[in-house]
Amino acid sequence: MTVKEIMERAGSIHTGRSIAYIKDAMEELNMISETHVDTQRIDINKDQRFYNFPGDMVKLIGIRCKNHLNTDGEYRSIPRMIGEPTRKDADGN
């Protein structure tokens, strides 16, 4: 389906606005369906809390760490923290 056909069905005459809506819809669909999943490995450093992520990243699905709660060399998921941390970090956050 072309942009022109979508505009006709939606009753829109503004091409720029229609394209912006289509791009927003595609991003929403990507967040829901997870069709383009990419894996990236980042080394975790001791006493570092913040890391840089790719600019085109839409959603972080999970983080796994080797030897987390085991000594078998397996990768296991790190649970997501919900709420405020109980202890302050050295950087004050």
N, C-alpha and C. Protein backbone atom coordinates (compact mmCIF):
# COMPACT_ATOMS: atom_id res chain seq x y z
N MET A 1 0.85 -1.17 0.00
CA MET A 1 0.00 0.00 0.00
C MET A 1 0.90 1.23 0.00
N THR A 2 0.55 2.20 -0.80
CA THR A 2 1.35 3.41 -0.92
C THR A 2 0.87 4.46 0.07
N VAL A 3 1.70 5.49 0.26
CA VAL A 3 1.33 6.59 1.14
C VAL A 3 0.06 7.28 0.61
N LYS A 4 -0.02 7.42 -0.70
CA LYS A 4 -1.19 8.07 -1.30
C LYS A 4 -2.47 7.29 -0.98
N GLU A 5 -2.41 5.97 -1.06
CA GLU A 5 -3.59 5.15 -0.75
C GLU A 5 -3.98 5.28 0.71
N ILE A 6 -2.99 5.30 1.60
CA ILE A 6 -3.29 5.47 3.03
C ILE A 6 -3.92 6.83 3.28
N MET A 7 -3.38 7.86 2.63
CA MET A 7 -3.94 9.21 2.79
C MET A 7 -5.38 9.27 2.30
N GLU A 8 -5.66 8.59 1.19
CA GLU A 8 -7.03 8.59 0.68
C GLU A 8 -7.99 7.89 1.63
N ARG A 9 -7.55 6.78 2.19
CA ARG A 9 -8.41 6.04 3.13
C ARG A 9 -8.63 6.82 4.42
N ALA A 10 -7.59 7.54 4.88
CA ALA A 10 -7.71 8.30 6.12
C ALA A 10 -8.35 9.66 5.90
N GLY A 11 -8.47 10.07 4.65
CA GLY A 11 -9.07 11.37 4.36
C GLY A 11 -8.14 12.53 4.67
N SER A 12 -6.85 12.32 4.52
CA SER A 12 -5.86 13.35 4.82
C SER A 12 -5.34 13.98 3.53
N ILE A 13 -5.04 15.28 3.60
CA ILE A 13 -4.47 15.96 2.45
C ILE A 13 -3.06 16.49 2.74
N HIS A 14 -2.57 16.26 3.95
CA HIS A 14 -1.25 16.74 4.36
C HIS A 14 -0.24 15.60 4.28
N THR A 15 0.61 15.64 3.27
CA THR A 15 1.57 14.54 3.05
C THR A 15 2.57 14.41 4.19
N GLY A 16 3.15 15.51 4.62
CA GLY A 16 4.15 15.47 5.70
C GLY A 16 3.61 14.89 6.99
N ARG A 17 2.42 15.32 7.36
CA ARG A 17 1.81 14.83 8.59
C ARG A 17 1.46 13.34 8.45
N SER A 18 0.99 12.95 7.28
CA SER A 18 0.65 11.54 7.05
C SER A 18 1.88 10.65 7.16
N ILE A 19 2.98 11.08 6.58
CA ILE A 19 4.22 10.30 6.66
C ILE A 19 4.70 10.19 8.10
N ALA A 20 4.59 11.29 8.86
CA ALA A 20 4.98 11.25 10.28
C ALA A 20 4.12 10.25 11.05
N TYR A 21 2.81 10.23 10.78
CA TYR A 21 1.93 9.26 11.44
C TYR A 21 2.29 7.82 11.05
N ILE A 22 2.61 7.60 9.79
CA ILE A 22 2.98 6.26 9.34
C ILE A 22 4.26 5.81 10.03
N LYS A 23 5.25 6.70 10.14
CA LYS A 23 6.50 6.35 10.83
C LYS A 23 6.26 6.04 12.29
N ASP A 24 5.40 6.82 12.95
CA ASP A 24 5.06 6.56 14.35
C ASP A 24 4.38 5.20 14.49
N ALA A 25 3.49 4.88 13.56
CA ALA A 25 2.79 3.60 13.61
C ALA A 25 3.75 2.43 13.43
N MET A 26 4.71 2.60 12.52
CA MET A 26 5.70 1.53 12.30
C MET A 26 6.55 1.31 13.54
N GLU A 27 6.92 2.38 14.22
CA GLU A 27 7.70 2.25 15.45
C GLU A 27 6.89 1.56 16.54
N GLU A 28 5.61 1.91 16.65
CA GLU A 28 4.73 1.26 17.63
C GLU A 28 4.61 -0.24 17.33
N LEU A 29 4.43 -0.59 16.07
CA LEU A 29 4.34 -2.00 15.69
C LEU A 29 5.63 -2.73 16.01
N ASN A 30 6.77 -2.09 15.80
CA ASN A 30 8.05 -2.70 16.11
C ASN A 30 8.19 -2.97 17.60
N MET A 31 7.68 -2.06 18.44
CA MET A 31 7.76 -2.28 19.88
C MET A 31 6.88 -3.45 20.32
N ILE A 32 5.74 -3.61 19.66
CA ILE A 32 4.81 -4.68 20.04
C ILE A 32 5.27 -6.04 19.54
N SER A 33 5.68 -6.11 18.28
CA SER A 33 5.92 -7.41 17.65
C SER A 33 7.36 -7.90 17.76
N GLU A 34 8.31 -7.01 18.04
CA GLU A 34 9.72 -7.38 18.18
C GLU A 34 10.21 -8.17 16.97
N THR A 35 10.03 -7.60 15.78
CA THR A 35 10.42 -8.29 14.56
C THR A 35 11.90 -8.13 14.23
N HIS A 36 12.48 -7.01 14.57
CA HIS A 36 13.88 -6.75 14.26
C HIS A 36 14.70 -6.71 15.55
N VAL A 37 14.92 -7.87 16.12
CA VAL A 37 15.65 -7.98 17.38
C VAL A 37 17.13 -8.11 17.06
N ASP A 38 17.92 -7.26 17.70
CA ASP A 38 19.36 -7.27 17.50
C ASP A 38 20.02 -7.48 18.85
N THR A 39 21.05 -8.28 18.88
CA THR A 39 21.78 -8.55 20.11
C THR A 39 23.07 -7.76 20.11
N GLN A 40 23.33 -7.10 21.23
CA GLN A 40 24.57 -6.36 21.35
C GLN A 40 25.20 -6.71 22.69
N ARG A 41 26.49 -6.95 22.67
CA ARG A 41 27.20 -7.30 23.89
C ARG A 41 27.97 -6.08 24.40
N ILE A 42 27.78 -5.77 25.67
CA ILE A 42 28.46 -4.66 26.32
C ILE A 42 29.10 -5.22 27.59
N ASP A 43 30.37 -4.91 27.79
CA ASP A 43 31.04 -5.35 29.00
C ASP A 43 30.52 -4.55 30.20
N ILE A 44 30.27 -5.27 31.29
CA ILE A 44 29.81 -4.63 32.52
C ILE A 44 31.05 -4.36 33.36
N ASN A 45 31.18 -3.13 33.82
CA ASN A 45 32.34 -2.72 34.61
C ASN A 45 31.96 -2.55 36.07
N LYS A 46 32.88 -2.91 36.94
CA LYS A 46 32.64 -2.79 38.37
C LYS A 46 32.44 -1.32 38.74
N ASP A 47 31.47 -1.06 39.59
CA ASP A 47 31.14 0.27 40.11
C ASP A 47 30.69 1.25 39.02
N GLN A 48 30.20 0.75 37.89
CA GLN A 48 29.64 1.62 36.85
C GLN A 48 28.15 1.35 36.77
N ARG A 49 27.37 2.41 36.89
CA ARG A 49 25.92 2.25 36.90
C ARG A 49 25.28 2.59 35.55
N PHE A 50 25.80 3.57 34.84
CA PHE A 50 25.19 4.03 33.61
C PHE A 50 26.01 3.60 32.41
N TYR A 51 25.32 3.18 31.34
CA TYR A 51 25.95 2.73 30.11
C TYR A 51 25.28 3.42 28.92
N ASN A 52 26.01 3.57 27.83
CA ASN A 52 25.46 4.15 26.62
C ASN A 52 24.85 3.06 25.75
N PHE A 53 23.65 3.32 25.24
CA PHE A 53 22.96 2.38 24.38
C PHE A 53 22.85 2.97 22.98
N PRO A 54 22.63 2.13 21.96
CA PRO A 54 22.52 2.64 20.59
C PRO A 54 21.37 3.63 20.44
N GLY A 55 21.56 4.63 19.59
CA GLY A 55 20.55 5.65 19.39
C GLY A 55 19.29 5.15 18.72
N ASP A 56 19.40 4.06 17.95
CA ASP A 56 18.23 3.53 17.26
C ASP A 56 17.51 2.44 18.05
N MET A 57 17.92 2.23 19.30
CA MET A 57 17.29 1.22 20.13
C MET A 57 15.89 1.67 20.52
N VAL A 58 14.92 0.77 20.39
CA VAL A 58 13.54 1.07 20.72
C VAL A 58 13.18 0.51 22.09
N LYS A 59 13.63 -0.70 22.38
CA LYS A 59 13.23 -1.35 23.62
C LYS A 59 14.35 -2.28 24.09
N LEU A 60 14.61 -2.27 25.38
CA LEU A 60 15.58 -3.20 25.98
C LEU A 60 14.80 -4.41 26.46
N ILE A 61 15.10 -5.56 25.90
CA ILE A 61 14.34 -6.77 26.21
C ILE A 61 14.86 -7.44 27.48
N GLY A 62 16.17 -7.53 27.62
CA GLY A 62 16.70 -8.18 28.80
C GLY A 62 18.20 -8.02 28.90
N ILE A 63 18.71 -8.28 30.10
CA ILE A 63 20.15 -8.23 30.36
C ILE A 63 20.53 -9.55 31.00
N ARG A 64 21.58 -10.16 30.45
CA ARG A 64 22.08 -11.41 31.02
C ARG A 64 23.54 -11.23 31.38
N CYS A 65 23.95 -11.91 32.44
CA CYS A 65 25.31 -11.80 32.94
C CYS A 65 25.86 -13.20 33.20
N LYS A 66 27.12 -13.40 32.84
CA LYS A 66 27.77 -14.68 33.05
C LYS A 66 28.12 -14.83 34.54
N ASN A 67 27.91 -16.03 35.06
CA ASN A 67 28.19 -16.37 36.46
C ASN A 67 27.35 -15.57 37.45
N HIS A 68 26.16 -15.12 37.05
CA HIS A 68 25.26 -14.42 37.97
C HIS A 68 24.49 -15.45 38.77
N LEU A 69 24.73 -15.50 40.05
CA LEU A 69 24.12 -16.46 40.98
C LEU A 69 24.45 -17.91 40.63
N ASN A 70 25.59 -18.14 39.97
CA ASN A 70 26.04 -19.51 39.71
C ASN A 70 27.54 -19.49 39.46
N THR A 71 28.14 -20.67 39.51
CA THR A 71 29.57 -20.79 39.23
C THR A 71 29.83 -21.71 38.05
N ASP A 72 28.78 -21.96 37.25
CA ASP A 72 28.89 -22.89 36.13
C ASP A 72 29.26 -22.21 34.82
N GLY A 73 29.49 -20.90 34.84
CA GLY A 73 29.80 -20.19 33.61
C GLY A 73 28.59 -19.96 32.73
N GLU A 74 27.39 -20.06 33.29
CA GLU A 74 26.16 -19.87 32.53
C GLU A 74 25.76 -18.40 32.53
N TYR A 75 25.04 -18.00 31.47
CA TYR A 75 24.45 -16.68 31.42
C TYR A 75 23.06 -16.74 32.02
N ARG A 76 22.77 -15.85 32.95
CA ARG A 76 21.45 -15.79 33.57
C ARG A 76 20.93 -14.36 33.54
N SER A 77 19.63 -14.22 33.49
CA SER A 77 19.01 -12.90 33.45
C SER A 77 19.18 -12.17 34.77
N ILE A 78 19.43 -10.88 34.66
CA ILE A 78 19.48 -10.01 35.83
C ILE A 78 18.09 -9.44 36.00
N PRO A 79 17.47 -9.62 37.17
CA PRO A 79 16.11 -9.13 37.34
C PRO A 79 16.04 -7.61 37.31
N ARG A 80 14.93 -7.11 36.80
CA ARG A 80 14.69 -5.67 36.72
C ARG A 80 14.31 -5.15 38.10
N MET A 81 14.88 -4.02 38.47
CA MET A 81 14.57 -3.43 39.76
C MET A 81 13.34 -2.54 39.61
N ILE A 82 12.38 -2.73 40.47
CA ILE A 82 11.17 -1.92 40.46
C ILE A 82 11.19 -1.04 41.69
N GLY A 83 11.01 0.25 41.49
CA GLY A 83 11.01 1.19 42.62
C GLY A 83 12.36 1.84 42.80
N GLU A 84 12.46 2.64 43.83
CA GLU A 84 13.69 3.36 44.13
C GLU A 84 14.69 2.45 44.85
N PRO A 85 16.00 2.63 44.57
CA PRO A 85 17.00 1.81 45.28
C PRO A 85 17.03 2.17 46.76
N THR A 86 17.31 1.19 47.59
CA THR A 86 17.34 1.40 49.03
C THR A 86 18.65 2.05 49.48
N ARG A 87 19.72 1.83 48.73
CA ARG A 87 21.02 2.41 49.06
C ARG A 87 21.46 3.36 47.97
N LYS A 88 22.14 4.43 48.35
CA LYS A 88 22.66 5.39 47.39
C LYS A 88 23.96 4.87 46.78
N ASP A 89 24.19 5.21 45.52
CA ASP A 89 25.45 4.87 44.86
C ASP A 89 26.52 5.86 45.25
N ALA A 90 27.75 5.51 44.89
CA ALA A 90 28.87 6.42 45.18
C ALA A 90 28.75 7.71 44.40
N ASP A 91 28.06 7.67 43.23
CA ASP A 91 27.90 8.88 42.43
C ASP A 91 26.71 9.73 42.88
N GLY A 92 26.03 9.30 43.94
CA GLY A 92 24.94 10.09 44.50
C GLY A 92 23.58 9.85 43.88
N ASN A 93 23.45 8.92 42.95
CA ASN A 93 22.16 8.64 42.31
C ASN A 93 21.49 7.44 42.88
